C-alpha cells in the first residue's frame, strides 16, 4: 500500500514539470540518471512514466540534455536512434547487452 498521495492537482503538475526540467538541466556530460530517480527527487516516486512524458511533450525540454535520461536498466528510449550516439559522444560506455553501464555513469542529484 502506498503511503503517499498519487494524484496531482494542476499546480502540483506544474511544479512537477518545473522540478523535472530543473533536475535534467543539471545532469553532467558523460553521466546518466533514470526516470525513476528524477520522479523520486521531484517528490512523486510513482511517476517515472510522467517524467518521460514531461520530457517528450514539454517544448522547453528540447533545450535540455534529455539524452542523459535512461530507464532503470540503462536502456535508451525506443525509437530514438540518436539517443545512444549522443551518449557515446559524451564518453558513456555501453554493456554488451546495449544498455548504459550504470555502475560507471549513474548520476544522482545532490539535493537536500
N, C-alpha and C. Protein backbone atom coordinates (compact mmCIF):
# COMPACT_ATOMS: atom_id res chain seq x y z
N UNK A 1 0.84 -1.18 0.00
CA UNK A 1 0.00 0.00 0.00
C UNK A 1 0.89 1.25 0.00
N UNK A 2 0.51 2.21 -0.81
CA UNK A 2 1.27 3.45 -0.91
C UNK A 2 1.02 4.31 0.32
N UNK A 3 2.08 4.96 0.78
CA UNK A 3 1.93 5.85 1.93
C UNK A 3 2.08 7.31 1.50
N UNK A 4 1.75 7.58 0.23
CA UNK A 4 1.82 8.94 -0.28
C UNK A 4 0.68 9.14 -1.27
N UNK A 5 0.34 10.40 -1.50
CA UNK A 5 -0.71 10.75 -2.44
C UNK A 5 -0.23 10.48 -3.86
N UNK A 6 -1.07 9.89 -4.69
CA UNK A 6 -0.69 9.52 -6.04
C UNK A 6 -1.38 10.38 -7.10
N UNK A 7 -2.19 11.35 -6.71
CA UNK A 7 -2.93 12.19 -7.63
C UNK A 7 -2.46 13.63 -7.52
N UNK A 8 -2.17 14.24 -8.66
CA UNK A 8 -1.67 15.62 -8.67
C UNK A 8 -2.77 16.62 -8.97
N UNK A 9 -2.70 17.75 -8.30
CA UNK A 9 -3.52 18.89 -8.68
C UNK A 9 -2.84 19.57 -9.87
N UNK A 10 -3.52 20.46 -10.57
CA UNK A 10 -2.86 21.17 -11.67
C UNK A 10 -1.61 21.94 -11.20
N UNK A 11 -1.67 22.53 -10.03
CA UNK A 11 -0.49 23.25 -9.52
C UNK A 11 0.65 22.28 -9.23
N UNK A 12 0.34 21.13 -8.67
CA UNK A 12 1.38 20.13 -8.41
C UNK A 12 1.98 19.61 -9.72
N UNK A 13 1.15 19.47 -10.75
CA UNK A 13 1.64 19.02 -12.05
C UNK A 13 2.61 20.05 -12.64
N UNK A 14 2.29 21.33 -12.49
CA UNK A 14 3.19 22.38 -12.98
C UNK A 14 4.51 22.36 -12.20
N UNK A 15 4.41 22.19 -10.89
CA UNK A 15 5.62 22.12 -10.07
C UNK A 15 6.46 20.89 -10.43
N UNK A 16 5.79 19.77 -10.66
CA UNK A 16 6.48 18.55 -11.07
C UNK A 16 7.24 18.79 -12.37
N UNK A 17 6.58 19.39 -13.34
CA UNK A 17 7.23 19.70 -14.62
C UNK A 17 8.47 20.57 -14.40
N UNK A 18 8.31 21.61 -13.61
CA UNK A 18 9.44 22.51 -13.35
C UNK A 18 10.58 21.78 -12.64
N UNK A 19 10.25 20.92 -11.69
CA UNK A 19 11.27 20.16 -10.97
C UNK A 19 11.99 19.19 -11.90
N UNK A 20 11.23 18.51 -12.74
CA UNK A 20 11.83 17.57 -13.70
C UNK A 20 12.81 18.31 -14.61
N UNK A 21 12.39 19.43 -15.17
CA UNK A 21 13.25 20.18 -16.07
C UNK A 21 14.50 20.69 -15.35
N UNK A 22 14.34 21.12 -14.10
CA UNK A 22 15.48 21.59 -13.32
C UNK A 22 16.48 20.47 -13.07
N UNK A 23 15.99 19.31 -12.70
CA UNK A 23 16.88 18.18 -12.43
C UNK A 23 17.62 17.76 -13.70
N UNK A 24 16.90 17.63 -14.80
CA UNK A 24 17.52 17.21 -16.06
C UNK A 24 18.58 18.22 -16.50
N UNK A 25 18.34 19.49 -16.27
CA UNK A 25 19.31 20.52 -16.68
C UNK A 25 20.64 20.38 -15.94
N UNK A 26 20.65 19.68 -14.83
CA UNK A 26 21.85 19.55 -14.01
C UNK A 26 22.66 18.28 -14.26
N UNK A 27 22.16 17.37 -15.08
CA UNK A 27 22.89 16.13 -15.33
C UNK A 27 24.17 16.46 -16.10
N UNK A 28 25.32 16.10 -15.54
CA UNK A 28 26.58 16.46 -16.20
C UNK A 28 26.86 15.60 -17.43
N UNK A 29 27.64 16.12 -18.37
CA UNK A 29 28.04 15.33 -19.53
C UNK A 29 28.74 14.04 -19.08
N UNK A 30 28.49 12.97 -19.82
CA UNK A 30 29.12 11.70 -19.51
C UNK A 30 28.45 10.92 -18.40
N UNK A 31 27.35 11.44 -17.88
CA UNK A 31 26.60 10.78 -16.82
C UNK A 31 25.15 10.62 -17.26
N UNK A 32 24.45 9.69 -16.62
CA UNK A 32 23.03 9.49 -16.89
C UNK A 32 22.30 9.34 -15.57
N UNK A 33 21.01 9.56 -15.62
CA UNK A 33 20.15 9.24 -14.48
C UNK A 33 18.90 8.58 -15.04
N UNK A 34 18.02 8.16 -14.15
CA UNK A 34 16.85 7.41 -14.60
C UNK A 34 15.57 8.22 -14.41
N UNK A 35 14.55 7.79 -15.12
CA UNK A 35 13.24 8.40 -14.97
C UNK A 35 12.77 8.27 -13.52
N UNK A 36 13.02 7.11 -12.93
CA UNK A 36 12.60 6.86 -11.55
C UNK A 36 13.30 7.74 -10.54
N UNK A 37 14.60 7.93 -10.71
CA UNK A 37 15.35 8.80 -9.79
C UNK A 37 14.82 10.22 -9.89
N UNK A 38 14.56 10.68 -11.10
CA UNK A 38 14.02 12.03 -11.27
C UNK A 38 12.66 12.14 -10.60
N UNK A 39 11.81 11.13 -10.77
CA UNK A 39 10.49 11.15 -10.14
C UNK A 39 10.60 11.23 -8.62
N UNK A 40 11.51 10.46 -8.04
CA UNK A 40 11.72 10.50 -6.58
C UNK A 40 12.15 11.89 -6.15
N UNK A 41 13.14 12.46 -6.83
CA UNK A 41 13.64 13.77 -6.44
C UNK A 41 12.63 14.88 -6.67
N UNK A 42 11.71 14.64 -7.60
CA UNK A 42 10.64 15.62 -7.83
C UNK A 42 9.49 15.44 -6.84
N UNK A 43 9.60 14.42 -5.99
CA UNK A 43 8.60 14.23 -4.93
C UNK A 43 7.44 13.32 -5.29
N UNK A 44 7.52 12.64 -6.43
CA UNK A 44 6.44 11.77 -6.89
C UNK A 44 7.03 10.43 -7.32
N UNK A 45 7.40 9.58 -6.37
CA UNK A 45 8.14 8.36 -6.69
C UNK A 45 7.44 7.38 -7.63
N UNK A 46 6.15 7.44 -7.75
CA UNK A 46 5.46 6.50 -8.64
C UNK A 46 5.22 7.08 -10.03
N UNK A 47 5.85 8.19 -10.34
CA UNK A 47 5.57 8.90 -11.60
C UNK A 47 6.74 8.89 -12.59
N UNK A 48 7.48 7.80 -12.65
CA UNK A 48 8.60 7.72 -13.60
C UNK A 48 8.13 7.90 -15.04
N UNK A 49 6.99 7.31 -15.37
CA UNK A 49 6.48 7.46 -16.75
C UNK A 49 6.11 8.91 -17.04
N UNK A 50 5.63 9.60 -16.04
CA UNK A 50 5.28 11.00 -16.25
C UNK A 50 6.53 11.84 -16.51
N UNK A 51 7.66 11.43 -15.95
CA UNK A 51 8.92 12.11 -16.26
C UNK A 51 9.17 12.01 -17.76
N UNK A 52 9.03 10.82 -18.30
CA UNK A 52 9.23 10.63 -19.74
C UNK A 52 8.28 11.45 -20.57
N UNK A 53 7.02 11.49 -20.17
CA UNK A 53 6.02 12.30 -20.90
C UNK A 53 6.38 13.78 -20.81
N UNK A 54 6.83 14.20 -19.64
CA UNK A 54 7.22 15.61 -19.47
C UNK A 54 8.35 15.96 -20.41
N UNK A 55 9.35 15.11 -20.50
CA UNK A 55 10.49 15.39 -21.36
C UNK A 55 10.11 15.35 -22.84
N UNK A 56 9.18 14.50 -23.18
CA UNK A 56 8.79 14.39 -24.58
C UNK A 56 7.86 15.51 -25.03
N UNK A 57 6.97 15.95 -24.15
CA UNK A 57 5.92 16.87 -24.58
C UNK A 57 6.05 18.30 -24.06
N UNK A 58 7.11 18.63 -23.37
CA UNK A 58 7.31 20.00 -22.90
C UNK A 58 8.31 20.68 -23.84
N UNK A 59 7.88 21.72 -24.54
CA UNK A 59 8.77 22.37 -25.50
C UNK A 59 10.12 22.80 -24.91
N UNK A 60 10.12 23.28 -23.67
CA UNK A 60 11.37 23.73 -23.06
C UNK A 60 12.38 22.60 -22.88
N UNK A 61 11.91 21.37 -22.86
CA UNK A 61 12.81 20.22 -22.65
C UNK A 61 13.74 20.01 -23.84
N UNK A 62 13.37 20.52 -25.01
CA UNK A 62 14.20 20.31 -26.19
C UNK A 62 15.55 21.00 -26.07
N UNK A 63 15.68 21.93 -25.16
CA UNK A 63 16.95 22.63 -24.94
C UNK A 63 17.76 22.01 -23.80
N UNK A 64 17.30 20.90 -23.27
CA UNK A 64 17.95 20.25 -22.13
C UNK A 64 18.62 18.95 -22.57
N UNK A 65 19.54 18.43 -21.75
CA UNK A 65 20.21 17.18 -22.10
C UNK A 65 19.36 15.95 -21.77
N UNK A 66 18.20 15.86 -22.41
CA UNK A 66 17.27 14.76 -22.16
C UNK A 66 17.88 13.41 -22.53
N UNK A 67 18.88 13.43 -23.40
CA UNK A 67 19.52 12.17 -23.79
C UNK A 67 20.27 11.53 -22.62
N UNK A 68 20.45 12.25 -21.54
CA UNK A 68 21.13 11.72 -20.36
C UNK A 68 20.17 11.02 -19.39
N UNK A 69 18.94 10.80 -19.83
CA UNK A 69 17.95 10.09 -19.02
C UNK A 69 17.67 8.75 -19.69
N UNK A 70 17.80 7.68 -18.91
CA UNK A 70 17.57 6.31 -19.41
C UNK A 70 16.67 5.59 -18.41
N UNK A 71 16.27 4.37 -18.75
CA UNK A 71 15.45 3.64 -17.79
C UNK A 71 16.35 3.01 -16.72
N UNK A 72 15.75 2.37 -15.73
CA UNK A 72 16.50 1.87 -14.57
C UNK A 72 17.54 0.83 -14.93
N UNK A 73 17.38 0.17 -16.08
CA UNK A 73 18.34 -0.83 -16.52
C UNK A 73 19.41 -0.24 -17.44
N UNK A 74 19.29 1.06 -17.74
CA UNK A 74 20.25 1.70 -18.63
C UNK A 74 19.86 1.64 -20.10
N UNK A 75 18.62 1.25 -20.37
CA UNK A 75 18.17 1.20 -21.76
C UNK A 75 17.84 2.59 -22.26
N UNK A 76 18.18 2.82 -23.50
CA UNK A 76 17.85 4.09 -24.13
C UNK A 76 16.41 4.05 -24.62
N UNK A 77 15.89 5.20 -25.00
CA UNK A 77 14.49 5.31 -25.41
C UNK A 77 14.26 4.58 -26.73
N UNK A 78 13.24 3.72 -26.76
CA UNK A 78 12.95 3.02 -28.02
C UNK A 78 12.50 4.00 -29.09
N UNK A 79 12.99 3.80 -30.28
CA UNK A 79 12.59 4.66 -31.39
C UNK A 79 13.40 5.94 -31.53
N UNK A 80 14.27 6.22 -30.56
CA UNK A 80 15.10 7.42 -30.64
C UNK A 80 16.52 6.97 -30.98
N UNK A 81 16.80 6.87 -32.26
CA UNK A 81 18.05 6.28 -32.73
C UNK A 81 19.28 7.08 -32.31
N UNK A 82 19.15 8.38 -32.15
CA UNK A 82 20.30 9.21 -31.78
C UNK A 82 20.64 9.14 -30.30
N UNK A 83 19.76 8.59 -29.49
CA UNK A 83 19.97 8.56 -28.05
C UNK A 83 21.34 7.96 -27.71
N UNK A 84 21.60 6.77 -28.21
CA UNK A 84 22.87 6.09 -27.93
C UNK A 84 24.05 6.90 -28.48
N UNK A 85 23.92 7.43 -29.68
CA UNK A 85 25.01 8.19 -30.30
C UNK A 85 25.36 9.42 -29.48
N UNK A 86 24.35 10.13 -28.99
CA UNK A 86 24.61 11.32 -28.18
C UNK A 86 25.36 10.96 -26.90
N UNK A 87 24.97 9.85 -26.29
CA UNK A 87 25.66 9.42 -25.07
C UNK A 87 27.09 8.97 -25.38
N UNK A 88 27.27 8.23 -26.45
CA UNK A 88 28.61 7.79 -26.82
C UNK A 88 29.52 8.98 -27.10
N UNK A 89 28.97 10.02 -27.71
CA UNK A 89 29.76 11.24 -27.98
C UNK A 89 30.26 11.88 -26.69
N UNK A 90 29.57 11.62 -25.58
CA UNK A 90 29.98 12.17 -24.28
C UNK A 90 30.85 11.19 -23.49
N UNK A 91 31.18 10.06 -24.11
CA UNK A 91 32.05 9.10 -23.44
C UNK A 91 31.34 8.05 -22.60
N UNK A 92 30.03 7.95 -22.73
CA UNK A 92 29.27 6.96 -21.97
C UNK A 92 29.53 5.58 -22.58
N UNK A 93 29.84 4.61 -21.70
CA UNK A 93 30.10 3.24 -22.13
C UNK A 93 28.83 2.40 -22.04
N UNK A 94 28.74 1.46 -22.96
CA UNK A 94 27.60 0.55 -23.01
C UNK A 94 28.07 -0.87 -22.75
N UNK A 95 27.20 -1.62 -22.11
CA UNK A 95 27.47 -3.03 -21.83
C UNK A 95 27.19 -3.85 -23.10
N UNK A 96 27.64 -5.10 -23.13
CA UNK A 96 27.39 -5.93 -24.32
C UNK A 96 25.91 -6.08 -24.67
N UNK A 97 25.02 -5.94 -23.68
CA UNK A 97 23.58 -6.06 -23.97
C UNK A 97 22.99 -4.78 -24.56
N UNK A 98 23.80 -3.74 -24.75
CA UNK A 98 23.34 -2.50 -25.35
C UNK A 98 22.88 -1.45 -24.36
N UNK A 99 22.89 -1.77 -23.07
CA UNK A 99 22.48 -0.82 -22.04
C UNK A 99 23.67 -0.01 -21.54
N UNK A 100 23.39 1.19 -21.05
CA UNK A 100 24.43 2.02 -20.44
C UNK A 100 25.02 1.27 -19.25
N UNK A 101 26.33 1.37 -19.08
CA UNK A 101 26.97 0.80 -17.91
C UNK A 101 26.66 1.73 -16.72
N UNK A 102 25.63 1.37 -15.99
CA UNK A 102 25.14 2.23 -14.91
C UNK A 102 26.13 2.33 -13.75
N UNK A 103 26.96 1.31 -13.55
CA UNK A 103 27.94 1.39 -12.46
C UNK A 103 28.96 2.48 -12.73
N UNK A 104 29.22 2.77 -13.99
CA UNK A 104 30.20 3.81 -14.34
C UNK A 104 29.58 5.19 -14.49
N UNK A 105 28.33 5.26 -14.92
CA UNK A 105 27.80 6.54 -15.38
C UNK A 105 26.58 7.06 -14.65
N UNK A 106 26.05 6.33 -13.65
CA UNK A 106 24.84 6.80 -12.97
C UNK A 106 25.13 8.04 -12.14
N UNK A 107 24.27 9.03 -12.32
CA UNK A 107 24.33 10.29 -11.55
C UNK A 107 23.08 10.42 -10.74
N UNK A 108 23.25 10.73 -9.46
CA UNK A 108 22.10 11.00 -8.61
C UNK A 108 22.21 12.45 -8.15
N UNK A 109 21.14 13.22 -8.28
CA UNK A 109 21.20 14.63 -7.87
C UNK A 109 21.53 14.76 -6.40
N UNK A 110 22.26 15.79 -6.09
CA UNK A 110 22.66 16.06 -4.71
C UNK A 110 21.80 17.18 -4.16
N UNK A 111 20.53 16.83 -3.86
CA UNK A 111 19.59 17.82 -3.36
C UNK A 111 19.38 17.60 -1.87
N UNK A 112 18.99 18.65 -1.17
CA UNK A 112 18.72 18.49 0.27
C UNK A 112 17.53 17.58 0.53
